[in-house]
Structure formats: structure tokens, C-alpha cells
C-alpha atoms as a PDB file:
ATOM      1  CA  MET A   1      19.721   5.395   2.086  1.00  0.00           C
ATOM      2  CA  ILE A   2      16.586   3.566   3.176  1.00  0.00           C
ATOM      3  CA  ALA A   3      17.125   2.458   6.757  1.00  0.00           C
ATOM      4  CA  ALA A   4      15.462   0.346   9.386  1.00  0.00           C
ATOM      5  CA  ILE A   5      16.096   2.169  12.654  1.00  0.00           C
ATOM      6  CA  GLY A   6      15.807   0.992  16.249  1.00  0.00           C
ATOM      7  CA  ALA A   7      17.674  -0.307  19.288  1.00  0.00           C
ATOM      8  CA  PHE A   8      17.682  -3.873  17.871  1.00  0.00           C
ATOM      9  CA  ASP A   9      19.164  -5.569  20.934  1.00  0.00           C
ATOM     10  CA  GLY A  10      18.117  -9.017  19.779  1.00  0.00           C
ATOM     11  CA  PHE A  11      18.307  -8.848  15.973  1.00  0.00           C
ATOM     12  CA  HIS A  12      15.318 -11.182  16.267  1.00  0.00           C
ATOM     13  CA  VAL A  13      12.764 -12.298  13.666  1.00  0.00           C
ATOM     14  CA  GLY A  14      10.615  -9.209  14.257  1.00  0.00           C
ATOM     15  CA  HIS A  15      13.612  -7.002  13.526  1.00  0.00           C
ATOM     16  CA  ALA A  16      14.412  -9.136  10.485  1.00  0.00           C
ATOM     17  CA  ARG A  17      11.008  -8.241   9.047  1.00  0.00           C
ATOM     18  CA  LEU A  18      11.935  -4.539   9.298  1.00  0.00           C
ATOM     19  CA  PHE A  19      15.256  -5.247   7.586  1.00  0.00           C
ATOM     20  CA  GLU A  20      13.530  -7.113   4.770  1.00  0.00           C
ATOM     21  CA  THR A  21      11.047  -4.264   4.292  1.00  0.00           C
ATOM     22  CA  ALA A  22      13.924  -1.789   3.953  1.00  0.00           C
ATOM     23  CA  ARG A  23      15.556  -4.066   1.389  1.00  0.00           C
ATOM     24  CA  GLU A  24      12.328  -4.395  -0.608  1.00  0.00           C
ATOM     25  CA  ARG A  25      11.789  -0.620  -0.546  1.00  0.00           C
ATOM     26  CA  ALA A  26      15.279  -0.028  -1.891  1.00  0.00           C
ATOM     27  CA  LEU A  27      15.219  -2.613  -4.698  1.00  0.00           C
ATOM     28  CA  PRO A  28      13.055  -0.779  -7.285  1.00  0.00           C
ATOM     29  CA  THR A  29      15.152   2.389  -7.044  1.00  0.00           C
ATOM     30  CA  ALA A  30      18.558   0.714  -6.661  1.00  0.00           C
ATOM     31  CA  CYS A  31      18.916   2.834  -3.516  1.00  0.00           C
ATOM     32  CA  GLU A  32      21.311   1.791  -0.774  1.00  0.00           C
ATOM     33  CA  TRP A  33      19.704   0.267   2.297  1.00  0.00           C
ATOM     34  CA  GLY A  34      20.881  -0.604   5.768  1.00  0.00           C
ATOM     35  CA  VAL A  35      20.256  -0.512   9.493  1.00  0.00           C
ATOM     36  CA  ILE A  36      20.746   2.301  11.999  1.00  0.00           C
ATOM     37  CA  THR A  37      21.013   1.278  15.627  1.00  0.00           C
ATOM     38  CA  PHE A  38      22.326   2.646  18.911  1.00  0.00           C
ATOM     39  CA  HIS A  39      25.068   1.883  21.405  1.00  0.00           C
ATOM     40  CA  PRO A  40      24.835   1.998  24.298  1.00  0.00           C
ATOM     41  CA  HIS A  41      21.246   0.838  24.281  1.00  0.00           C
ATOM     42  CA  PRO A  42      18.955   3.766  25.242  1.00  0.00           C
ATOM     43  CA  GLN A  43      17.779   1.826  28.295  1.00  0.00           C
ATOM     44  CA  ALA A  44      21.393   1.259  29.367  1.00  0.00           C
ATOM     45  CA  LEU A  45      22.081   4.992  29.336  1.00  0.00           C
ATOM     46  CA  PHE A  46      19.381   5.618  31.913  1.00  0.00           C
ATOM     47  CA  ALA A  47      19.368   2.283  33.783  1.00  0.00           C
ATOM     48  CA  GLY A  48      23.149   2.238  34.155  1.00  0.00           C
ATOM     49  CA  ASN A  49      24.766  -1.034  35.210  1.00  0.00           C
ATOM     50  CA  ALA A  50      21.368  -2.686  35.711  1.00  0.00           C
ATOM     51  CA  PHE A  51      20.848  -3.197  31.970  1.00  0.00           C
ATOM     52  CA  ARG A  52      22.015  -6.458  30.397  1.00  0.00           C
ATOM     53  CA  TYR A  53      22.403  -6.908  26.653  1.00  0.00           C
ATOM     54  CA  LEU A  54      21.100  -9.887  24.750  1.00  0.00           C
ATOM     55  CA  PHE A  55      24.032  -9.316  22.418  1.00  0.00           C
ATOM     56  CA  THR A  56      27.068  -7.084  22.735  1.00  0.00           C
ATOM     57  CA  GLU A  57      28.000  -4.535  20.108  1.00  0.00           C
ATOM     58  CA  HIS A  58      30.494  -6.906  18.468  1.00  0.00           C
ATOM     59  CA  GLU A  59      28.008  -9.781  18.552  1.00  0.00           C
ATOM     60  CA  ARG A  60      25.409  -7.597  16.829  1.00  0.00           C
ATOM     61  CA  GLU A  61      27.929  -6.833  14.091  1.00  0.00           C
ATOM     62  CA  ALA A  62      28.186 -10.587  13.504  1.00  0.00           C
ATOM     63  CA  LEU A  63      24.388 -10.875  13.493  1.00  0.00           C
ATOM     64  CA  ALA A  64      24.176  -8.068  10.928  1.00  0.00           C
ATOM     65  CA  ARG A  65      26.347 -10.213   8.664  1.00  0.00           C
ATOM     66  CA  TYR A  66      24.145 -13.208   9.464  1.00  0.00           C
ATOM     67  CA  ARG A  67      21.103 -11.176   8.375  1.00  0.00           C
ATOM     68  CA  ARG A  68      22.989 -10.069   5.226  1.00  0.00           C
ATOM     69  CA  ILE A  69      22.691  -6.380   6.066  1.00  0.00           C
ATOM     70  CA  PRO A  70      24.923  -4.439   3.635  1.00  0.00           C
ATOM     71  CA  ARG A  71      25.378  -1.389   5.853  1.00  0.00           C
ATOM     72  CA  LEU A  72      25.212  -1.134   9.636  1.00  0.00           C
ATOM     73  CA  GLU A  73      25.469   2.276  11.287  1.00  0.00           C
ATOM     74  CA  THR A  74      25.765   2.355  15.075  1.00  0.00           C
ATOM     75  CA  LEU A  75      25.003   5.728  16.645  1.00  0.00           C
ATOM     76  CA  HIS A  76      26.759   6.537  19.904  1.00  0.00           C
ATOM     77  CA  PHE A  77      23.758   7.162  22.125  1.00  0.00           C
ATOM     78  CA  THR A  78      24.391  10.056  24.512  1.00  0.00           C
ATOM     79  CA  ARG A  79      22.251  12.311  26.671  1.00  0.00           C
ATOM     80  CA  ALA A  80      22.790  15.052  24.107  1.00  0.00           C
ATOM     81  CA  LEU A  81      21.370  12.784  21.403  1.00  0.00           C
ATOM     82  CA  ALA A  82      18.482  11.773  23.663  1.00  0.00           C
ATOM     83  CA  ASP A  83      17.721  15.453  24.328  1.00  0.00           C
ATOM     84  CA  MET A  84      17.247  16.366  20.656  1.00  0.00           C
ATOM     85  CA  LYS A  85      13.757  17.369  19.583  1.00  0.00           C
ATOM     86  CA  PRO A  86      12.196  14.779  17.255  1.00  0.00           C
ATOM     87  CA  SER A  87      12.548  17.078  14.230  1.00  0.00           C
ATOM     88  CA  GLU A  88      16.179  17.844  15.133  1.00  0.00           C
ATOM     89  CA  PHE A  89      17.004  14.158  15.365  1.00  0.00           C
ATOM     90  CA  LEU A  90      15.464  13.443  11.961  1.00  0.00           C
ATOM     91  CA  ASP A  91      17.279  16.418  10.425  1.00  0.00           C
ATOM     92  CA  TRP A  92      20.534  15.119  11.837  1.00  0.00           C
ATOM     93  CA  ILE A  93      20.260  11.517  10.621  1.00  0.00           C
ATOM     94  CA  GLY A  94      18.866  12.715   7.294  1.00  0.00           C
ATOM     95  CA  GLN A  95      21.917  14.858   6.671  1.00  0.00           C
ATOM     96  CA  SER A  96      24.398  12.370   8.158  1.00  0.00           C
ATOM     97  CA  TYR A  97      23.249   9.320   6.208  1.00  0.00           C
ATOM     98  CA  GLY A  98      21.405  10.675   3.195  1.00  0.00           C
ATOM     99  CA  ILE A  99      18.103   9.215   4.350  1.00  0.00           C
ATOM    100  CA  THR A 100      15.354   8.827   1.759  1.00  0.00           C
ATOM    101  CA  GLY A 101      13.194   6.400   3.714  1.00  0.00           C
ATOM    102  CA  LEU A 102      12.794   4.863   7.161  1.00  0.00           C
ATOM    103  CA  VAL A 103      11.301   1.601   8.387  1.00  0.00           C
ATOM    104  CA  VAL A 104      10.291   1.299  12.053  1.00  0.00           C
ATOM    105  CA  GLY A 105       8.157  -0.760  14.377  1.00  0.00           C
ATOM    106  CA  GLU A 106       4.980   0.943  15.534  1.00  0.00           C
ATOM    107  CA  ASN A 107       6.383   1.175  19.087  1.00  0.00           C
ATOM    108  CA  PHE A 108       9.419   3.178  17.950  1.00  0.00           C
ATOM    109  CA  ARG A 109      10.029   6.300  20.054  1.00  0.00           C
ATOM    110  CA  PHE A 110      12.591   9.024  19.520  1.00  0.00           C
ATOM    111  CA  GLY A 111      13.491  12.549  20.534  1.00  0.00           C
ATOM    112  CA  ARG A 112      13.437  14.394  23.832  1.00  0.00           C
ATOM    113  CA  GLY A 113      11.383  12.571  26.445  1.00  0.00           C
ATOM    114  CA  ARG A 114      10.483   9.939  23.797  1.00  0.00           C
ATOM    115  CA  THR A 115       7.915  12.420  22.479  1.00  0.00           C
ATOM    116  CA  GLY A 116       8.356  11.341  18.877  1.00  0.00           C
ATOM    117  CA  ASP A 117       6.342   8.273  17.872  1.00  0.00           C
ATOM    118  CA  SER A 118       5.545   6.473  14.631  1.00  0.00           C
ATOM    119  CA  GLN A 119       2.871   9.003  13.693  1.00  0.00           C
ATOM    120  CA  THR A 120       5.278  11.871  14.340  1.00  0.00           C
ATOM    121  CA  LEU A 121       7.710  10.088  12.058  1.00  0.00           C
ATOM    122  CA  ARG A 122       5.090   9.700   9.339  1.00  0.00           C
ATOM    123  CA  GLN A 123       4.240  13.411   9.412  1.00  0.00           C
ATOM    124  CA  GLU A 124       7.879  14.481   9.489  1.00  0.00           C
ATOM    125  CA  GLY A 125       8.690  12.004   6.740  1.00  0.00           C
ATOM    126  CA  ILE A 126       6.023  13.440   4.442  1.00  0.00           C
ATOM    127  CA  ALA A 127       7.490  16.907   4.965  1.00  0.00           C
ATOM    128  CA  ARG A 128      10.909  15.561   3.950  1.00  0.00           C
ATOM    129  CA  ARG A 129       9.567  13.450   1.061  1.00  0.00           C
ATOM    130  CA  TRP A 130      10.797  10.289   2.716  1.00  0.00           C
ATOM    131  CA  SER A 131       9.105   6.929   2.429  1.00  0.00           C
ATOM    132  CA  VAL A 132       7.993   5.785   5.880  1.00  0.00           C
ATOM    133  CA  ASP A 133       6.977   2.211   6.688  1.00  0.00           C
ATOM    134  CA  ILE A 134       5.517   1.475  10.126  1.00  0.00           C
ATOM    135  CA  LEU A 135       5.135  -2.219  10.936  1.00  0.00           C
ATOM    136  CA  PRO A 136       3.062  -3.751  13.745  1.00  0.00           C
ATOM    137  CA  PRO A 137       4.725  -6.194  16.158  1.00  0.00           C
ATOM    138  CA  LEU A 138       5.233  -9.704  14.834  1.00  0.00           C
ATOM    139  CA  ARG A 139       3.272 -12.464  16.512  1.00  0.00           C
ATOM    140  CA  MET A 140       4.318 -16.106  16.683  1.00  0.00           C
ATOM    141  CA  GLY A 141       1.524 -18.255  18.016  1.00  0.00           C
ATOM    142  CA  LYS A 142       0.218 -16.554  21.146  1.00  0.00           C
ATOM    143  CA  GLU A 143       3.395 -14.529  21.720  1.00  0.00           C
ATOM    144  CA  THR A 144       4.380 -11.079  20.481  1.00  0.00           C
ATOM    145  CA  VAL A 145       8.036 -11.143  19.492  1.00  0.00           C
ATOM    146  CA  SER A 146      10.094  -8.606  21.418  1.00  0.00           C
ATOM    147  CA  SER A 147      13.555  -8.261  22.925  1.00  0.00           C
ATOM    148  CA  THR A 148      11.874  -7.952  26.330  1.00  0.00           C
ATOM    149  CA  LEU A 149      10.153 -11.334  25.962  1.00  0.00           C
ATOM    150  CA  ILE A 150      13.355 -12.960  24.719  1.00  0.00           C
ATOM    151  CA  ARG A 151      15.314 -11.444  27.604  1.00  0.00           C
ATOM    152  CA  GLN A 152      12.777 -12.914  30.046  1.00  0.00           C
ATOM    153  CA  LYS A 153      13.090 -16.354  28.475  1.00  0.00           C
ATOM    154  CA  ILE A 154      16.887 -16.286  28.538  1.00  0.00           C
ATOM    155  CA  SER A 155      16.901 -15.150  32.176  1.00  0.00           C
ATOM    156  CA  LEU A 156      14.726 -18.161  33.046  1.00  0.00           C
ATOM    157  CA  GLY A 157      17.009 -20.535  31.142  1.00  0.00           C
ATOM    158  CA  GLU A 158      14.450 -21.081  28.379  1.00  0.00           C
ATOM    159  CA  THR A 159      17.020 -20.873  25.595  1.00  0.00           C
ATOM    160  CA  ARG A 160      15.250 -23.490  23.511  1.00  0.00           C
ATOM    161  CA  SER A 161      11.970 -21.564  23.328  1.00  0.00           C
ATOM    162  CA  ALA A 162      13.853 -18.296  22.754  1.00  0.00           C
ATOM    163  CA  GLU A 163      15.547 -19.574  19.598  1.00  0.00           C
ATOM    164  CA  PRO A 164      12.504 -19.410  17.254  1.00  0.00           C
ATOM    165  CA  LEU A 165      11.951 -15.804  18.353  1.00  0.00           C
ATOM    166  CA  LEU A 166      15.582 -14.921  17.717  1.00  0.00           C
ATOM    167  CA  GLY A 167      15.828 -16.881  14.474  1.00  0.00           C
ATOM    168  CA  HIS A 168      19.147 -18.287  15.699  1.00  0.00           C
ATOM    169  CA  PRO A 169      20.483 -19.725  18.961  1.00  0.00           C
ATOM    170  CA  PHE A 170      21.321 -17.469  21.871  1.00  0.00           C
ATOM    171  CA  PHE A 171      25.097 -17.284  22.197  1.00  0.00           C
ATOM    172  CA  VAL A 172      27.921 -15.769  24.205  1.00  0.00           C
ATOM    173  CA  THR A 173      31.469 -14.901  23.199  1.00  0.00           C
ATOM    174  CA  GLY A 174      34.287 -14.806  25.709  1.00  0.00           C
ATOM    175  CA  THR A 175      37.938 -15.450  26.422  1.00  0.00           C
ATOM    176  CA  VAL A 176      39.188 -18.617  28.121  1.00  0.00           C
ATOM    177  CA  ILE A 177      40.907 -17.824  31.416  1.00  0.00           C
ATOM    178  CA  ARG A 178      42.684 -20.002  33.966  1.00  0.00           C
ATOM    179  CA  GLY A 179      40.552 -21.637  36.622  1.00  0.00           C
ATOM    180  CA  ASP A 180      41.358 -23.931  39.531  1.00  0.00           C
ATOM    181  CA  GLN A 181      41.811 -27.034  37.297  1.00  0.00           C
ATOM    182  CA  ARG A 182      39.162 -28.918  39.302  1.00  0.00           C
ATOM    183  CA  GLY A 183      37.350 -30.138  36.193  1.00  0.00           C
ATOM    184  CA  ARG A 184      40.572 -31.555  34.755  1.00  0.00           C
ATOM    185  CA  ARG A 185      41.297 -33.424  38.003  1.00  0.00           C
ATOM    186  CA  LEU A 186      37.796 -34.901  37.885  1.00  0.00           C
ATOM    187  CA  GLY A 187      38.345 -36.074  34.311  1.00  0.00           C
ATOM    188  CA  PHE A 188      36.220 -33.366  32.682  1.00  0.00           C
ATOM    189  CA  PRO A 189      38.467 -30.462  31.635  1.00  0.00           C
ATOM    190  CA  THR A 190      36.519 -27.237  31.263  1.00  0.00           C
ATOM    191  CA  ALA A 191      37.210 -23.868  29.692  1.00  0.00           C
ATOM    192  CA  ASN A 192      36.415 -21.006  32.069  1.00  0.00           C
ATOM    193  CA  LEU A 193      34.952 -18.113  30.105  1.00  0.00           C
ATOM    194  CA  ALA A 194      35.415 -14.449  30.953  1.00  0.00           C
ATOM    195  CA  LEU A 195      32.401 -12.585  29.574  1.00  0.00           C
ATOM    196  CA  PRO A 196      31.538  -8.883  29.341  1.00  0.00           C
ATOM    197  CA  ALA A 197      29.897  -7.667  32.551  1.00  0.00           C
ATOM    198  CA  GLU A 198      26.973  -6.197  30.594  1.00  0.00           C
ATOM    199  CA  LYS A 199      26.101  -9.495  28.896  1.00  0.00           C
ATOM    200  CA  LEU A 200      22.840 -11.193  29.886  1.00  0.00           C
ATOM    201  CA  LEU A 201      23.374 -14.739  31.168  1.00  0.00           C
ATOM    202  CA  PRO A 202      20.832 -17.553  31.343  1.00  0.00           C
ATOM    203  CA  GLN A 203      19.661 -18.951  34.667  1.00  0.00           C
ATOM    204  CA  ARG A 204      22.165 -21.062  36.577  1.00  0.00           C
ATOM    205  CA  GLY A 205      22.370 -24.703  35.564  1.00  0.00           C
ATOM    206  CA  VAL A 206      23.747 -27.116  32.972  1.00  0.00           C
ATOM    207  CA  TYR A 207      23.129 -26.564  29.260  1.00  0.00           C
ATOM    208  CA  ALA A 208      23.634 -28.486  26.057  1.00  0.00           C
ATOM    209  CA  ALA A 209      25.783 -26.285  23.857  1.00  0.00           C
ATOM    210  CA  GLY A 210      27.859 -25.986  20.721  1.00  0.00           C
ATOM    211  CA  VAL A 211      31.261 -24.288  20.594  1.00  0.00           C
ATOM    212  CA  LEU A 212      32.829 -22.714  17.528  1.00  0.00           C
ATOM    213  CA  LEU A 213      36.350 -24.149  17.511  1.00  0.00           C
ATOM    214  CA  GLU A 214      38.635 -23.206  14.632  1.00  0.00           C
ATOM    215  CA  ASN A 215      36.736 -24.355  11.521  1.00  0.00           C
ATOM    216  CA  HIS A 216      34.058 -26.541  13.046  1.00  0.00           C
ATOM    217  CA  TRP A 217      31.381 -26.778  15.715  1.00  0.00           C
ATOM    218  CA  CYS A 218      32.057 -28.948  18.741  1.00  0.00           C
ATOM    219  CA  PRO A 219      29.323 -30.374  21.019  1.00  0.00           C
ATOM    220  CA  ALA A 220      29.642 -29.209  24.600  1.00  0.00           C
ATOM    221  CA  ALA A 221      28.157 -29.210  28.083  1.00  0.00           C
ATOM    222  CA  LEU A 222      28.132 -25.832  29.809  1.00  0.00           C
ATOM    223  CA  ASN A 223      27.622 -24.972  33.457  1.00  0.00           C
ATOM    224  CA  ILE A 224      26.664 -21.594  34.902  1.00  0.00           C
ATOM    225  CA  GLY A 225      26.883 -21.428  38.671  1.00  0.00           C
ATOM    226  CA  PHE A 226      28.848 -21.350  41.898  1.00  0.00           C
ATOM    227  CA  ASN A 227      29.865 -25.054  42.042  1.00  0.00           C
ATOM    228  CA  PRO A 228      27.988 -25.577  45.340  1.00  0.00           C
ATOM    229  CA  THR A 229      29.476 -29.065  45.863  1.00  0.00           C
ATOM    230  CA  PHE A 230      32.792 -27.382  46.662  1.00  0.00           C
ATOM    231  CA  ALA A 231      33.238 -24.872  49.465  1.00  0.00           C
ATOM    232  CA  GLY A 232      34.780 -21.454  49.050  1.00  0.00           C
ATOM    233  CA  ILE A 233      33.571 -20.596  45.524  1.00  0.00           C
ATOM    234  CA  ARG A 234      31.737 -17.276  45.592  1.00  0.00           C
ATOM    235  CA  ALA A 235      32.068 -15.953  42.049  1.00  0.00           C
ATOM    236  CA  LEU A 236      29.640 -17.009  39.336  1.00  0.00           C
ATOM    237  CA  ARG A 237      31.413 -19.187  36.786  1.00  0.00           C
ATOM    238  CA  VAL A 238      30.714 -20.046  33.170  1.00  0.00           C
ATOM    239  CA  GLU A 239      32.495 -23.315  32.392  1.00  0.00           C
ATOM    240  CA  VAL A 240      32.234 -25.318  29.202  1.00  0.00           C
ATOM    241  CA  HIS A 241      33.402 -28.869  28.531  1.00  0.00           C
ATOM    242  CA  LEU A 242      34.101 -29.521  24.846  1.00  0.00           C
ATOM    243  CA  ILE A 243      33.085 -33.104  24.153  1.00  0.00           C
ATOM    244  CA  GLY A 244      35.853 -35.089  22.480  1.00  0.00           C
ATOM    245  CA  PHE A 245      38.341 -32.215  22.535  1.00  0.00           C
ATOM    246  CA  GLU A 246      41.817 -32.463  24.018  1.00  0.00           C
ATOM    247  CA  GLY A 247      44.096 -29.449  24.016  1.00  0.00           C
ATOM    248  CA  ASP A 248      44.937 -26.091  25.522  1.00  0.00           C
ATOM    249  CA  LEU A 249      42.320 -23.359  25.134  1.00  0.00           C
ATOM    250  CA  TYR A 250      43.807 -20.681  27.407  1.00  0.00           C
ATOM    251  CA  GLY A 251      43.580 -17.246  25.855  1.00  0.00           C
ATOM    252  CA  ARG A 252      41.336 -18.472  23.048  1.00  0.00           C
ATOM    253  CA  HIS A 253      38.203 -16.577  22.085  1.00  0.00           C
ATOM    254  CA  LEU A 254      35.180 -18.901  22.024  1.00  0.00           C
ATOM    255  CA  THR A 255      31.614 -18.539  20.821  1.00  0.00           C
ATOM    256  CA  VAL A 256      29.127 -20.794  22.597  1.00  0.00           C
ATOM    257  CA  LEU A 257      25.603 -21.547  21.367  1.00  0.00           C
ATOM    258  CA  PHE A 258      23.027 -22.403  24.037  1.00  0.00           C
ATOM    259  CA  LEU A 259      20.711 -25.199  22.900  1.00  0.00           C
ATOM    260  CA  GLU A 260      18.686 -26.212  25.950  1.00  0.00           C
ATOM    261  CA  ARG A 261      18.837 -26.301  29.736  1.00  0.00           C
ATOM    262  CA  LEU A 262      19.376 -29.852  30.939  1.00  0.00           C
ATOM    263  CA  ARG A 263      19.022 -29.260  34.674  1.00  0.00           C
ATOM    264  CA  GLY A 264      19.340 -26.698  37.430  1.00  0.00           C
ATOM    265  CA  GLU A 265      22.306 -26.161  39.719  1.00  0.00           C
ATOM    266  CA  LEU A 266      22.677 -29.015  42.232  1.00  0.00           C
ATOM    267  CA  GLN A 267      24.771 -29.645  45.306  1.00  0.00           C
ATOM    268  CA  PHE A 268      25.988 -33.243  45.461  1.00  0.00           C
ATOM    269  CA  PRO A 269      26.846 -35.124  48.682  1.00  0.00           C
ATOM    270  CA  GLY A 270      30.245 -36.090  47.324  1.00  0.00           C
ATOM    271  CA  VAL A 271      32.624 -36.038  44.366  1.00  0.00           C
ATOM    272  CA  GLN A 272      31.650 -39.493  43.052  1.00  0.00           C
ATOM    273  CA  GLU A 273      27.987 -38.508  42.822  1.00  0.00           C
ATOM    274  CA  LEU A 274      29.021 -35.376  40.943  1.00  0.00           C
ATOM    275  CA  ILE A 275      31.159 -37.385  38.513  1.00  0.00           C
ATOM    276  CA  ARG A 276      28.307 -39.802  37.786  1.00  0.00           C
ATOM    277  CA  ARG A 277      25.963 -36.916  37.054  1.00  0.00           C
ATOM    278  CA  MET A 278      28.557 -35.198  34.861  1.00  0.00           C
ATOM    279  CA  HIS A 279      28.772 -38.346  32.717  1.00  0.00           C
ATOM    280  CA  GLU A 280      24.988 -38.194  32.295  1.00  0.00           C
ATOM    281  CA  ASP A 281      25.053 -34.465  31.515  1.00  0.00           C
ATOM    282  CA  ILE A 282      27.716 -34.902  28.848  1.00  0.00           C
ATOM    283  CA  SER A 283      25.849 -37.784  27.234  1.00  0.00           C
ATOM    284  CA  GLU A 284      22.642 -35.716  27.143  1.00  0.00           C
ATOM    285  CA  ALA A 285      24.460 -32.661  25.803  1.00  0.00           C
ATOM    286  CA  ASP A 286      26.098 -34.680  23.029  1.00  0.00           C
ATOM    287  CA  ALA A 287      22.751 -36.178  21.987  1.00  0.00           C
ATOM    288  CA  SER A 288      21.115 -32.743  22.096  1.00  0.00           C
ATOM    289  CA  TRP A 289      23.767 -31.284  19.797  1.00  0.00           C
ATOM    290  CA  ARG A 290      23.433 -34.144  17.310  1.00  0.00           C
ATOM    291  CA  ARG A 291      19.662 -33.664  17.152  1.00  0.00           C
ATOM    292  CA  TYR A 292      20.085 -29.933  16.727  1.00  0.00           C
ATOM    293  CA  ALA A 293      22.828 -30.037  14.079  1.00  0.00           C
ATOM    294  CA  SER A 294      21.092 -32.636  11.917  1.00  0.00           C
ATOM    295  CA  GLY A 295      19.573 -30.807   8.939  1.00  0.00           C
ATOM    296  CA  ARG A 296      21.002 -27.432   9.987  1.00  0.00           C
ATOM    297  CA  GLU A 297      24.373 -27.779   8.293  1.00  0.00           C
ATOM    298  CA  SER A 298      23.982 -24.770   5.989  1.00  0.00           C
ATOM    299  CA  GLN A 299      22.649 -22.507   8.773  1.00  0.00           C
ATOM    300  CA  LEU A 300      25.492 -23.496  11.105  1.00  0.00           C
ATOM    301  CA  GLN A 301      28.050 -22.987   8.350  1.00  0.00           C
ATOM    302  CA  TRP A 302      26.759 -19.463   7.627  1.00  0.00           C
ATOM    303  CA  LEU A 303      26.652 -18.633  11.338  1.00  0.00           C
ATOM    304  CA  HIS A 304      30.194 -19.966  11.629  1.00  0.00           C
ATOM    305  CA  GLU A 305      31.380 -17.705   8.797  1.00  0.00           C
ATOM    306  CA  CYS A 306      29.724 -14.612  10.297  1.00  0.00           C
ATOM    307  CA  LEU A 307      31.049 -15.278  13.793  1.00  0.00           C
ATOM    308  CA  SER A 308      34.537 -16.152  12.562  1.00  0.00           C
ATOM    309  CA  ILE A 309      34.931 -12.648  11.115  1.00  0.00           C
ATOM    310  CA  GLN A 310      34.055 -11.290  14.556  1.00  0.00           C
ATOM    311  CA  ARG A 311      36.616 -13.552  16.234  1.00  0.00           C
ATOM    312  CA  LYS A 312      39.383 -12.230  13.995  1.00  0.00           C
ATOM    313  CA  ASP A 313      38.575  -8.550  14.595  1.00  0.00           C
END
């Protein structure tokens, strides 16, 4: 097996270049190729609850399908694994997966105390008669593509500028739970999403979004916040209004694409002012989705197929 190996939190366009290199290496020899990654993320093991994932383990499985990766191996990252010497780690994955070649980014680190680097890998690979490809970071314009940069953008609500770096929209998957029905009483029914605690969320505010509903995408307006217009709400909420949809979503598993941040979180002087602004938000979100979806039909269909498999698991 020729494998691209790394933490791959974002499955972004820089990672995709590693995947493509592994595929190209394997083609002439008809060798199997795939991706080896880790869960939990190495940073999560040592940072504990402070670490937030761009994509959960199940979401990354969907992204592996989106990237057409034929084999995805997820190593359970433990302190025992982290404490292996670099040569021990390579011996172990070599025997476990029949490795004949590895593809890594030049910042790849492995082994006890992160003492193994790309040059260590090259030397160890020669000794094992493995092919070793070490790729420099990918640059787009003035930016170096990295999960860290993407995480910063998402945290600031810059989902639109994060998308080219990811190669797909940022998304969340969650289960619809019962809320206080306030949106329905205001004329804007919303689905309240319960999301994994370790999932990174964008900055509070209102976003144009798209929701995977059954066999189609539905335009939506999504709010992340504390609903400051109403007293007594202390928990952060993720609420999504599906434009043009009428029905019961309780218990359903939804995938939501973030397109762009429309505005920050606001406190309105009264309910009528809030309702007027919600009408504007929904109109903007609908227009944003239409602009986004136009010309992306095949991409959205493939993303739909990959995510639908995840939703059935």
C-alpha cells in the first residue's frame, strides 16, 4: 500500500495534493493506495477538551468518499502510540498495512516527542525500500493552506474565504432536538441542532446556508448565538430555518453547509424589529444559496451522495 499519512483534520486542498500524489505513485505498479490518519487528533490527546475539530471522524469518512479515496485507515491515537520511537512507528505501520511507499507534507512529525521529521522518514524509507514523497505546503495567493489557517477563518465566521482552501464548503452534521418553539410562534420555524461538543463552530451570527434534506439541497438561514433579544437564554444555540420547507424535523439528522456570514449577533428593541430583520436575513440567505448553487450542480450532487452514506450509517 502506498499511503498519504497525516492528521488531515480539514481534508483540504493541500491534503488533496498528497492524496493525488499517492494515487499517481500507485498507478504504474497497480499497487493499492489510500490514506492513513489519526483519531483522536494528536493535538486533542494533549490539549484535551480545548481542541475543536474542523470535521468529526464520521464527517471525515464522508470527505474521504468525496475525495474518492479507495482506502481510509484511521489509527486510534494513544499515548502509547505517541511514545513509539520513529523507527518503531514505521515498523508497526509497515507490518500492519503492507506499506511500500509514503507521501507526507514536509511539516509531518512522528514518533516520541515528535522527533521524527520528513528527513527521518526519507532515511528510514530508503532502508525499507519504500518510496517516500515529501511535498512542500501548498500556497494559494498569499496564503499557505493549512488546517490552522482554516480553523482561524471558521472561528472568525469567514466561511466564504475558507471554502477555496477546503475545496468544499464548511459543514456541520447534527440531530434536530426540541427547542422552545419561539421561531414557530414568530412565523419562522427553526430546527435546533445538537452538535458534537468537540466540533468547531463559526463565530456567532446569521449565515446563509444549505441543508441536505432527503434527496435535495434546501436553502436556509442559520443562526448561532444566545438569542439576546429574549431574556433567560444562556446556552449557545444553532438554529436553522429551511426556506420553503414545512414539516416535522425532530429527530432527523441534518447536514448544513455554511456559505457566508450575513451579519453578527444583534439584540433588537422588540419582537417586531426582530421579525423585520429575519425577513431580510431569509431573503439574503435565499439569494446567496441561488448564487452559490448555480453552476455547481454536479459538485453538490456528489457531495450529497457522499454525505448521504454518512447519514445512513
